[in-house]
Amino acid sequence: MRSPERNLALAKTYLSAHDPKMVTRTWSAVMEELATHGRESSQARCRCEMASKPYTLIRHKPVIQTTSEDSLAVLRAGGAATANYLRRLHNLALGLGWLAWPILAPKAWPKVRPKLKRAITDPEHKRSVAAEQNSERRHYYKILWHTGCAQTDGSNCAPTRWTGPPKP
């Protein structure tokens, strides 16, 4: 009867014949590769997420030695974004052949349930306006409230800051 350590050593030997880096490649390499995909803004968001605390649990762990318990620990340590990015990391490692088989089956991944979003209430709006010291920003908040526009939408729609009527 063979011991688990011997089986793991034999598996590493076969895998390193396929890809010499496969035995030593860590999740940080997968994270770096994922951060090169997509637009610059997506890459920056990915780098920021990969630097967050939950990923420290696997960052320096060899990809082929990762267990489902490791993945579940990362998922428990994070939120919806962690679940999304961990799944992307997992699928990228599989797609690149850096992972020999799935760590978690598709049905084992948790469903991502984003937090509910809501608008501010009238009392919250009044408190914000009353607390704002800058009169221009206070008027801006009032306009947004009366038009029902979000701050981001309102600021993206305005091409430039109004400086008065055009000069002749």
N, C-alpha and C. Protein backbone atom coordinates (compact mmCIF):
# COMPACT_ATOMS: atom_id res chain seq x y z
N MET A 1 0.86 -1.18 0.00
CA MET A 1 0.00 0.00 0.00
C MET A 1 0.90 1.23 0.00
N ARG A 2 0.59 2.18 -0.88
CA ARG A 2 1.38 3.39 -1.00
C ARG A 2 0.86 4.47 -0.08
N SER A 3 1.78 5.29 0.36
CA SER A 3 1.38 6.38 1.24
C SER A 3 0.93 7.58 0.42
N PRO A 4 0.09 8.47 0.98
CA PRO A 4 -0.36 9.66 0.25
C PRO A 4 0.81 10.54 -0.18
N GLU A 5 1.86 10.63 0.63
CA GLU A 5 3.01 11.46 0.28
C GLU A 5 3.70 10.93 -0.98
N ARG A 6 3.80 9.60 -1.06
CA ARG A 6 4.43 8.99 -2.23
C ARG A 6 3.57 9.22 -3.48
N ASN A 7 2.27 9.10 -3.33
CA ASN A 7 1.37 9.35 -4.46
C ASN A 7 1.48 10.80 -4.95
N LEU A 8 1.56 11.75 -4.00
CA LEU A 8 1.69 13.15 -4.37
C LEU A 8 3.02 13.40 -5.08
N ALA A 9 4.10 12.80 -4.60
CA ALA A 9 5.40 12.95 -5.25
C ALA A 9 5.37 12.39 -6.67
N LEU A 10 4.72 11.25 -6.86
CA LEU A 10 4.61 10.64 -8.18
C LEU A 10 3.78 11.54 -9.11
N ALA A 11 2.69 12.07 -8.58
CA ALA A 11 1.84 12.98 -9.38
C ALA A 11 2.62 14.22 -9.80
N LYS A 12 3.41 14.76 -8.88
CA LYS A 12 4.23 15.95 -9.20
C LYS A 12 5.24 15.64 -10.30
N THR A 13 5.78 14.44 -10.26
CA THR A 13 6.75 14.04 -11.28
C THR A 13 6.09 14.01 -12.66
N TYR A 14 4.91 13.40 -12.74
CA TYR A 14 4.20 13.34 -14.02
C TYR A 14 3.78 14.74 -14.49
N LEU A 15 3.29 15.55 -13.56
CA LEU A 15 2.85 16.90 -13.94
C LEU A 15 4.01 17.77 -14.38
N SER A 16 5.17 17.64 -13.74
CA SER A 16 6.31 18.46 -14.13
C SER A 16 6.85 18.05 -15.49
N ALA A 17 6.61 16.81 -15.90
CA ALA A 17 6.99 16.40 -17.26
C ALA A 17 6.11 17.12 -18.28
N HIS A 18 4.87 17.37 -17.92
CA HIS A 18 3.94 18.09 -18.80
C HIS A 18 4.29 19.58 -18.84
N ASP A 19 4.50 20.19 -17.67
CA ASP A 19 4.82 21.61 -17.53
C ASP A 19 5.75 21.76 -16.34
N PRO A 20 7.03 22.07 -16.58
CA PRO A 20 7.99 22.14 -15.47
C PRO A 20 7.60 23.13 -14.37
N LYS A 21 6.87 24.19 -14.70
CA LYS A 21 6.48 25.18 -13.70
C LYS A 21 5.22 24.78 -12.92
N MET A 22 4.55 23.75 -13.38
CA MET A 22 3.27 23.38 -12.79
C MET A 22 3.39 23.04 -11.31
N VAL A 23 4.49 22.45 -10.91
CA VAL A 23 4.67 22.03 -9.53
C VAL A 23 4.92 23.22 -8.60
N THR A 24 5.54 24.28 -9.12
CA THR A 24 5.91 25.41 -8.27
C THR A 24 5.05 26.65 -8.47
N ARG A 25 4.23 26.68 -9.51
CA ARG A 25 3.43 27.88 -9.80
C ARG A 25 2.42 28.14 -8.69
N THR A 26 2.42 29.37 -8.18
CA THR A 26 1.52 29.74 -7.09
C THR A 26 0.35 30.55 -7.64
N TRP A 27 -0.62 30.79 -6.77
CA TRP A 27 -1.79 31.56 -7.17
C TRP A 27 -1.43 33.01 -7.51
N SER A 28 -0.32 33.50 -6.99
CA SER A 28 0.06 34.88 -7.33
C SER A 28 0.34 35.01 -8.82
N ALA A 29 0.85 33.96 -9.47
CA ALA A 29 1.07 33.99 -10.92
C ALA A 29 -0.27 34.06 -11.66
N VAL A 30 -1.26 33.32 -11.16
CA VAL A 30 -2.60 33.36 -11.77
C VAL A 30 -3.22 34.74 -11.57
N MET A 31 -3.01 35.32 -10.39
CA MET A 31 -3.54 36.66 -10.09
C MET A 31 -2.91 37.70 -11.02
N GLU A 32 -1.59 37.59 -11.23
CA GLU A 32 -0.91 38.52 -12.13
C GLU A 32 -1.43 38.38 -13.56
N GLU A 33 -1.67 37.16 -13.99
CA GLU A 33 -2.19 36.93 -15.34
C GLU A 33 -3.60 37.48 -15.48
N LEU A 34 -4.45 37.26 -14.49
CA LEU A 34 -5.82 37.76 -14.54
C LEU A 34 -5.84 39.28 -14.62
N ALA A 35 -4.90 39.92 -13.94
CA ALA A 35 -4.84 41.39 -13.92
C ALA A 35 -4.38 41.98 -15.24
N THR A 36 -4.03 41.14 -16.22
CA THR A 36 -3.65 41.66 -17.54
C THR A 36 -4.81 41.59 -18.53
N HIS A 37 -5.94 41.04 -18.11
CA HIS A 37 -7.09 40.86 -19.01
C HIS A 37 -8.04 42.05 -18.91
N GLY A 38 -8.66 42.40 -20.02
CA GLY A 38 -9.67 43.45 -20.04
C GLY A 38 -9.09 44.85 -20.20
N ARG A 39 -9.96 45.82 -20.04
CA ARG A 39 -9.57 47.23 -20.15
C ARG A 39 -8.71 47.63 -18.96
N GLU A 40 -8.07 48.80 -19.08
CA GLU A 40 -7.21 49.30 -18.01
C GLU A 40 -7.99 49.46 -16.71
N SER A 41 -9.22 49.96 -16.79
CA SER A 41 -10.02 50.14 -15.57
C SER A 41 -10.34 48.79 -14.92
N SER A 42 -10.60 47.77 -15.74
CA SER A 42 -10.87 46.43 -15.22
C SER A 42 -9.61 45.83 -14.60
N GLN A 43 -8.47 46.09 -15.23
CA GLN A 43 -7.20 45.58 -14.70
C GLN A 43 -6.91 46.21 -13.34
N ALA A 44 -7.16 47.52 -13.23
CA ALA A 44 -6.91 48.21 -11.95
C ALA A 44 -7.84 47.66 -10.87
N ARG A 45 -9.11 47.42 -11.21
CA ARG A 45 -10.07 46.87 -10.24
C ARG A 45 -9.63 45.47 -9.82
N CYS A 46 -9.14 44.69 -10.77
CA CYS A 46 -8.69 43.33 -10.48
C CYS A 46 -7.46 43.36 -9.57
N ARG A 47 -6.49 44.23 -9.86
CA ARG A 47 -5.30 44.34 -9.00
C ARG A 47 -5.69 44.73 -7.58
N CYS A 48 -6.64 45.64 -7.47
CA CYS A 48 -7.11 46.07 -6.15
C CYS A 48 -7.76 44.90 -5.40
N GLU A 49 -8.58 44.14 -6.08
CA GLU A 49 -9.24 42.99 -5.45
C GLU A 49 -8.22 41.93 -5.05
N MET A 50 -7.25 41.66 -5.92
CA MET A 50 -6.25 40.63 -5.63
C MET A 50 -5.36 41.01 -4.44
N ALA A 51 -5.26 42.31 -4.16
CA ALA A 51 -4.45 42.77 -3.02
C ALA A 51 -5.22 42.67 -1.71
N SER A 52 -6.51 42.35 -1.76
CA SER A 52 -7.32 42.32 -0.55
C SER A 52 -7.00 41.09 0.32
N LYS A 53 -7.42 41.17 1.54
CA LYS A 53 -7.06 40.20 2.58
C LYS A 53 -7.44 38.74 2.29
N PRO A 54 -8.62 38.43 1.77
CA PRO A 54 -8.98 37.02 1.61
C PRO A 54 -7.98 36.21 0.77
N TYR A 55 -7.33 36.85 -0.19
CA TYR A 55 -6.43 36.14 -1.09
C TYR A 55 -5.09 35.79 -0.46
N THR A 56 -4.80 36.37 0.72
CA THR A 56 -3.55 36.02 1.40
C THR A 56 -3.55 34.54 1.81
N LEU A 57 -4.73 33.96 1.91
CA LEU A 57 -4.83 32.55 2.30
C LEU A 57 -4.26 31.61 1.23
N ILE A 58 -4.26 32.05 -0.05
CA ILE A 58 -3.78 31.17 -1.12
C ILE A 58 -2.68 31.79 -1.98
N ARG A 59 -2.38 33.07 -1.79
CA ARG A 59 -1.46 33.79 -2.67
C ARG A 59 -0.16 33.03 -2.95
N HIS A 60 0.47 32.47 -1.92
CA HIS A 60 1.77 31.80 -2.08
C HIS A 60 1.66 30.28 -2.09
N LYS A 61 0.44 29.79 -2.19
CA LYS A 61 0.21 28.34 -2.21
C LYS A 61 0.34 27.83 -3.66
N PRO A 62 1.05 26.72 -3.87
CA PRO A 62 1.11 26.16 -5.21
C PRO A 62 -0.29 25.80 -5.72
N VAL A 63 -0.55 26.11 -6.96
CA VAL A 63 -1.89 25.91 -7.54
C VAL A 63 -2.31 24.45 -7.44
N ILE A 64 -1.40 23.54 -7.76
CA ILE A 64 -1.80 22.11 -7.77
C ILE A 64 -1.99 21.53 -6.39
N GLN A 65 -1.55 22.24 -5.34
CA GLN A 65 -1.74 21.73 -3.98
C GLN A 65 -2.96 22.36 -3.30
N THR A 66 -3.73 23.13 -4.04
CA THR A 66 -4.90 23.80 -3.47
C THR A 66 -6.05 22.81 -3.34
N THR A 67 -6.70 22.84 -2.20
CA THR A 67 -7.83 21.95 -1.96
C THR A 67 -9.13 22.76 -1.94
N SER A 68 -10.24 22.05 -1.93
CA SER A 68 -11.53 22.74 -1.86
C SER A 68 -11.66 23.50 -0.54
N GLU A 69 -11.05 22.99 0.53
CA GLU A 69 -11.09 23.69 1.82
C GLU A 69 -10.41 25.05 1.72
N ASP A 70 -9.30 25.12 0.96
CA ASP A 70 -8.61 26.40 0.76
C ASP A 70 -9.53 27.40 0.05
N SER A 71 -10.17 26.94 -1.02
CA SER A 71 -11.07 27.82 -1.77
C SER A 71 -12.24 28.28 -0.93
N LEU A 72 -12.81 27.36 -0.17
CA LEU A 72 -13.95 27.72 0.68
C LEU A 72 -13.53 28.71 1.78
N ALA A 73 -12.31 28.57 2.29
CA ALA A 73 -11.82 29.52 3.30
C ALA A 73 -11.71 30.92 2.72
N VAL A 74 -11.23 31.03 1.47
CA VAL A 74 -11.15 32.34 0.81
C VAL A 74 -12.55 32.90 0.61
N LEU A 75 -13.47 32.06 0.16
CA LEU A 75 -14.85 32.51 -0.06
C LEU A 75 -15.49 33.00 1.24
N ARG A 76 -15.25 32.31 2.35
CA ARG A 76 -15.81 32.73 3.64
C ARG A 76 -15.20 34.03 4.14
N ALA A 77 -13.95 34.26 3.79
CA ALA A 77 -13.26 35.46 4.26
C ALA A 77 -13.66 36.70 3.47
N GLY A 78 -14.25 36.52 2.30
CA GLY A 78 -14.61 37.66 1.46
C GLY A 78 -16.11 37.78 1.25
N GLY A 79 -16.46 38.59 0.29
CA GLY A 79 -17.87 38.82 -0.04
C GLY A 79 -18.18 38.43 -1.47
N ALA A 80 -19.10 39.16 -2.09
CA ALA A 80 -19.54 38.86 -3.45
C ALA A 80 -18.41 39.06 -4.45
N ALA A 81 -17.63 40.11 -4.29
CA ALA A 81 -16.52 40.37 -5.22
C ALA A 81 -15.48 39.26 -5.13
N THR A 82 -15.21 38.79 -3.92
CA THR A 82 -14.23 37.71 -3.74
C THR A 82 -14.72 36.45 -4.44
N ALA A 83 -16.00 36.13 -4.31
CA ALA A 83 -16.56 34.95 -4.97
C ALA A 83 -16.43 35.07 -6.48
N ASN A 84 -16.71 36.26 -7.01
CA ASN A 84 -16.61 36.49 -8.44
C ASN A 84 -15.18 36.33 -8.93
N TYR A 85 -14.23 37.00 -8.27
CA TYR A 85 -12.85 36.96 -8.72
C TYR A 85 -12.19 35.60 -8.46
N LEU A 86 -12.54 34.93 -7.38
CA LEU A 86 -11.96 33.62 -7.12
C LEU A 86 -12.41 32.63 -8.19
N ARG A 87 -13.65 32.74 -8.59
CA ARG A 87 -14.14 31.86 -9.66
C ARG A 87 -13.42 32.16 -10.97
N ARG A 88 -13.18 33.44 -11.24
CA ARG A 88 -12.44 33.82 -12.44
C ARG A 88 -11.01 33.29 -12.38
N LEU A 89 -10.37 33.37 -11.21
CA LEU A 89 -9.02 32.83 -11.05
C LEU A 89 -9.01 31.32 -11.31
N HIS A 90 -9.95 30.64 -10.71
CA HIS A 90 -10.08 29.19 -10.86
C HIS A 90 -10.24 28.82 -12.33
N ASN A 91 -11.16 29.49 -13.02
CA ASN A 91 -11.42 29.17 -14.41
C ASN A 91 -10.23 29.53 -15.31
N LEU A 92 -9.53 30.62 -15.00
CA LEU A 92 -8.35 30.98 -15.78
C LEU A 92 -7.26 29.92 -15.61
N ALA A 93 -7.02 29.48 -14.39
CA ALA A 93 -6.01 28.45 -14.14
C ALA A 93 -6.37 27.16 -14.88
N LEU A 94 -7.64 26.80 -14.89
CA LEU A 94 -8.08 25.61 -15.64
C LEU A 94 -7.87 25.81 -17.13
N GLY A 95 -8.29 26.96 -17.63
CA GLY A 95 -8.18 27.24 -19.06
C GLY A 95 -6.76 27.29 -19.57
N LEU A 96 -5.83 27.76 -18.74
CA LEU A 96 -4.43 27.83 -19.15
C LEU A 96 -3.69 26.51 -18.96
N GLY A 97 -4.36 25.53 -18.35
CA GLY A 97 -3.72 24.25 -18.08
C GLY A 97 -2.81 24.30 -16.87
N TRP A 98 -2.94 25.33 -16.05
CA TRP A 98 -2.14 25.47 -14.84
C TRP A 98 -2.75 24.69 -13.68
N LEU A 99 -3.98 24.27 -13.86
CA LEU A 99 -4.69 23.48 -12.88
C LEU A 99 -5.17 22.23 -13.61
N ALA A 100 -4.82 21.06 -13.09
CA ALA A 100 -5.10 19.81 -13.79
C ALA A 100 -6.59 19.43 -13.78
N TRP A 101 -7.30 19.83 -12.73
CA TRP A 101 -8.72 19.49 -12.61
C TRP A 101 -9.38 20.55 -11.74
N PRO A 102 -10.70 20.68 -11.83
CA PRO A 102 -11.40 21.70 -11.02
C PRO A 102 -11.25 21.44 -9.52
N ILE A 103 -11.06 22.51 -8.78
CA ILE A 103 -10.98 22.39 -7.32
C ILE A 103 -12.39 22.31 -6.74
N LEU A 104 -13.26 23.17 -7.24
CA LEU A 104 -14.67 23.14 -6.83
C LEU A 104 -15.52 22.84 -8.07
N ALA A 105 -16.47 21.95 -7.91
CA ALA A 105 -17.40 21.67 -9.00
C ALA A 105 -18.30 22.89 -9.22
N PRO A 106 -18.81 23.08 -10.44
CA PRO A 106 -19.65 24.26 -10.70
C PRO A 106 -20.79 24.45 -9.71
N LYS A 107 -21.41 23.38 -9.26
CA LYS A 107 -22.53 23.50 -8.31
C LYS A 107 -22.07 23.85 -6.90
N ALA A 108 -20.78 23.67 -6.61
CA ALA A 108 -20.26 23.96 -5.27
C ALA A 108 -19.97 25.44 -5.07
N TRP A 109 -19.90 26.21 -6.17
CA TRP A 109 -19.64 27.64 -6.04
C TRP A 109 -20.88 28.32 -5.49
N PRO A 110 -20.72 29.21 -4.53
CA PRO A 110 -21.90 29.89 -3.96
C PRO A 110 -22.51 30.86 -4.96
N LYS A 111 -23.79 31.03 -4.84
CA LYS A 111 -24.48 32.01 -5.67
C LYS A 111 -24.11 33.40 -5.16
N VAL A 112 -23.80 34.30 -6.07
CA VAL A 112 -23.46 35.66 -5.68
C VAL A 112 -24.75 36.43 -5.50
N ARG A 113 -24.94 36.95 -4.31
CA ARG A 113 -26.14 37.74 -4.00
C ARG A 113 -25.70 39.15 -3.64
N PRO A 114 -25.80 40.07 -4.60
CA PRO A 114 -25.38 41.44 -4.29
C PRO A 114 -26.29 42.08 -3.26
N LYS A 115 -25.73 43.05 -2.56
CA LYS A 115 -26.51 43.77 -1.56
C LYS A 115 -27.59 44.59 -2.25
N LEU A 116 -28.71 44.76 -1.55
CA LEU A 116 -29.78 45.58 -2.09
C LEU A 116 -29.34 47.05 -2.12
N LYS A 117 -29.75 47.73 -3.17
CA LYS A 117 -29.42 49.15 -3.29
C LYS A 117 -30.72 49.94 -3.12
N ARG A 118 -30.58 51.11 -2.54
CA ARG A 118 -31.76 51.93 -2.33
C ARG A 118 -31.38 53.39 -2.45
N ALA A 119 -32.38 54.21 -2.69
CA ALA A 119 -32.17 55.65 -2.72
C ALA A 119 -32.23 56.18 -1.29
N ILE A 120 -31.70 57.37 -1.09
CA ILE A 120 -31.79 57.95 0.25
C ILE A 120 -33.21 58.44 0.49
N THR A 121 -33.57 58.52 1.74
CA THR A 121 -34.91 58.98 2.11
C THR A 121 -34.89 60.51 2.22
N ASP A 122 -36.09 61.09 2.33
CA ASP A 122 -36.20 62.55 2.47
C ASP A 122 -35.48 63.05 3.72
N PRO A 123 -35.64 62.41 4.88
CA PRO A 123 -34.89 62.89 6.05
C PRO A 123 -33.37 62.78 5.87
N GLU A 124 -32.90 61.71 5.21
CA GLU A 124 -31.46 61.58 4.96
C GLU A 124 -30.96 62.69 4.04
N HIS A 125 -31.76 63.01 3.02
CA HIS A 125 -31.40 64.09 2.10
C HIS A 125 -31.32 65.43 2.84
N LYS A 126 -32.30 65.68 3.68
CA LYS A 126 -32.31 66.95 4.42
C LYS A 126 -31.11 67.06 5.36
N ARG A 127 -30.74 65.97 6.00
CA ARG A 127 -29.56 65.98 6.87
C ARG A 127 -28.28 66.24 6.07
N SER A 128 -28.19 65.64 4.89
CA SER A 128 -27.00 65.85 4.04
C SER A 128 -26.89 67.29 3.60
N VAL A 129 -28.01 67.86 3.17
CA VAL A 129 -28.02 69.25 2.71
C VAL A 129 -27.69 70.19 3.87
N ALA A 130 -28.27 69.93 5.04
CA ALA A 130 -28.03 70.79 6.20
C ALA A 130 -26.57 70.71 6.67
N ALA A 131 -25.96 69.56 6.52
CA ALA A 131 -24.58 69.38 6.99
C ALA A 131 -23.55 69.93 6.01
N GLU A 132 -23.94 70.13 4.74
CA GLU A 132 -22.99 70.58 3.73
C GLU A 132 -22.67 72.06 3.91
N GLN A 133 -21.38 72.37 4.04
CA GLN A 133 -20.94 73.75 4.25
C GLN A 133 -20.76 74.50 2.93
N ASN A 134 -20.45 73.79 1.87
CA ASN A 134 -20.22 74.40 0.56
C ASN A 134 -21.58 74.70 -0.09
N SER A 135 -21.88 75.97 -0.34
CA SER A 135 -23.21 76.34 -0.87
C SER A 135 -23.42 75.78 -2.28
N GLU A 136 -22.38 75.76 -3.09
CA GLU A 136 -22.51 75.23 -4.46
C GLU A 136 -22.87 73.75 -4.42
N ARG A 137 -22.19 73.00 -3.58
CA ARG A 137 -22.48 71.57 -3.46
C ARG A 137 -23.86 71.35 -2.86
N ARG A 138 -24.26 72.20 -1.90
CA ARG A 138 -25.59 72.09 -1.30
C ARG A 138 -26.66 72.27 -2.37
N HIS A 139 -26.48 73.26 -3.27
CA HIS A 139 -27.44 73.47 -4.36
C HIS A 139 -27.42 72.29 -5.34
N TYR A 140 -26.24 71.74 -5.55
CA TYR A 140 -26.10 70.58 -6.43
C TYR A 140 -26.91 69.41 -5.87
N TYR A 141 -26.79 69.16 -4.56
CA TYR A 141 -27.56 68.09 -3.94
C TYR A 141 -29.07 68.32 -4.08
N LYS A 142 -29.49 69.57 -3.95
CA LYS A 142 -30.92 69.88 -4.09
C LYS A 142 -31.40 69.62 -5.51
N ILE A 143 -30.60 70.01 -6.49
CA ILE A 143 -30.98 69.76 -7.90
C ILE A 143 -31.08 68.26 -8.16
N LEU A 144 -30.11 67.52 -7.66
CA LEU A 144 -30.14 66.07 -7.84
C LEU A 144 -31.40 65.47 -7.21
N TRP A 145 -31.73 65.94 -6.02
CA TRP A 145 -32.90 65.42 -5.32
C TRP A 145 -34.17 65.69 -6.12
N HIS A 146 -34.31 66.91 -6.62
CA HIS A 146 -35.54 67.28 -7.32
C HIS A 146 -35.64 66.66 -8.71
N THR A 147 -34.51 66.35 -9.32
CA THR A 147 -34.56 65.72 -10.65
C THR A 147 -34.54 64.19 -10.56
N GLY A 148 -34.17 63.67 -9.38
CA GLY A 148 -34.12 62.22 -9.22
C GLY A 148 -32.87 61.61 -9.84
N CYS A 149 -31.86 62.41 -10.00
CA CYS A 149 -30.63 61.98 -10.65
C CYS A 149 -29.60 61.53 -9.62
N ALA A 150 -28.84 60.49 -9.95
CA ALA A 150 -27.74 60.04 -9.08
C ALA A 150 -26.56 60.99 -9.26
N GLN A 151 -25.71 61.09 -8.25
CA GLN A 151 -24.56 62.00 -8.32
C GLN A 151 -23.66 61.66 -9.51
N THR A 152 -23.37 60.41 -9.70
CA THR A 152 -22.48 60.02 -10.79
C THR A 152 -23.09 60.38 -12.13
N ASP A 153 -24.38 60.09 -12.30
CA ASP A 153 -25.05 60.42 -13.56
C ASP A 153 -25.07 61.93 -13.77
N GLY A 154 -25.35 62.66 -12.71
CA GLY A 154 -25.39 64.11 -12.82
C GLY A 154 -24.04 64.72 -13.18
N SER A 155 -22.99 64.21 -12.60
CA SER A 155 -21.68 64.77 -12.91
C SER A 155 -21.16 64.30 -14.26
N ASN A 156 -21.56 63.12 -14.71
CA ASN A 156 -21.13 62.65 -16.03
C ASN A 156 -21.86 63.35 -17.16
N CYS A 157 -23.07 63.83 -16.90
CA CYS A 157 -23.85 64.50 -17.94
C CYS A 157 -23.36 65.92 -18.18
N ALA A 158 -22.84 66.55 -17.17
CA ALA A 158 -22.39 67.94 -17.32
C ALA A 158 -21.03 67.95 -18.01
N PRO A 159 -20.95 68.46 -19.27
CA PRO A 159 -19.68 68.44 -19.98
C PRO A 159 -18.62 69.33 -19.34
N THR A 160 -19.03 70.46 -18.83
CA THR A 160 -18.08 71.37 -18.18
C THR A 160 -18.78 72.07 -17.03
N ARG A 161 -18.02 72.69 -16.19
CA ARG A 161 -18.59 73.46 -15.08
C ARG A 161 -19.09 74.79 -15.63
N TRP A 162 -20.28 75.19 -15.22
CA TRP A 162 -20.86 76.42 -15.72
C TRP A 162 -20.17 77.61 -15.08
N THR A 163 -19.69 78.52 -15.89
CA THR A 163 -18.96 79.69 -15.38
C THR A 163 -19.67 80.99 -15.70
N GLY A 164 -20.91 80.89 -16.12
CA GLY A 164 -21.66 82.10 -16.46
C GLY A 164 -21.99 82.15 -17.93
N PRO A 165 -22.68 83.19 -18.36
CA PRO A 165 -23.06 83.27 -19.77
C PRO A 165 -21.81 83.46 -20.64
N PRO A 166 -21.91 83.02 -21.90
CA PRO A 166 -20.75 83.16 -22.80
C PRO A 166 -20.40 84.63 -23.00
N LYS A 167 -19.13 84.89 -23.14
CA LYS A 167 -18.66 86.27 -23.36
C LYS A 167 -18.75 86.58 -24.84
N PRO A 168 -19.18 87.84 -25.14
CA PRO A 168 -19.34 88.20 -26.57
C PRO A 168 -18.03 88.29 -27.31
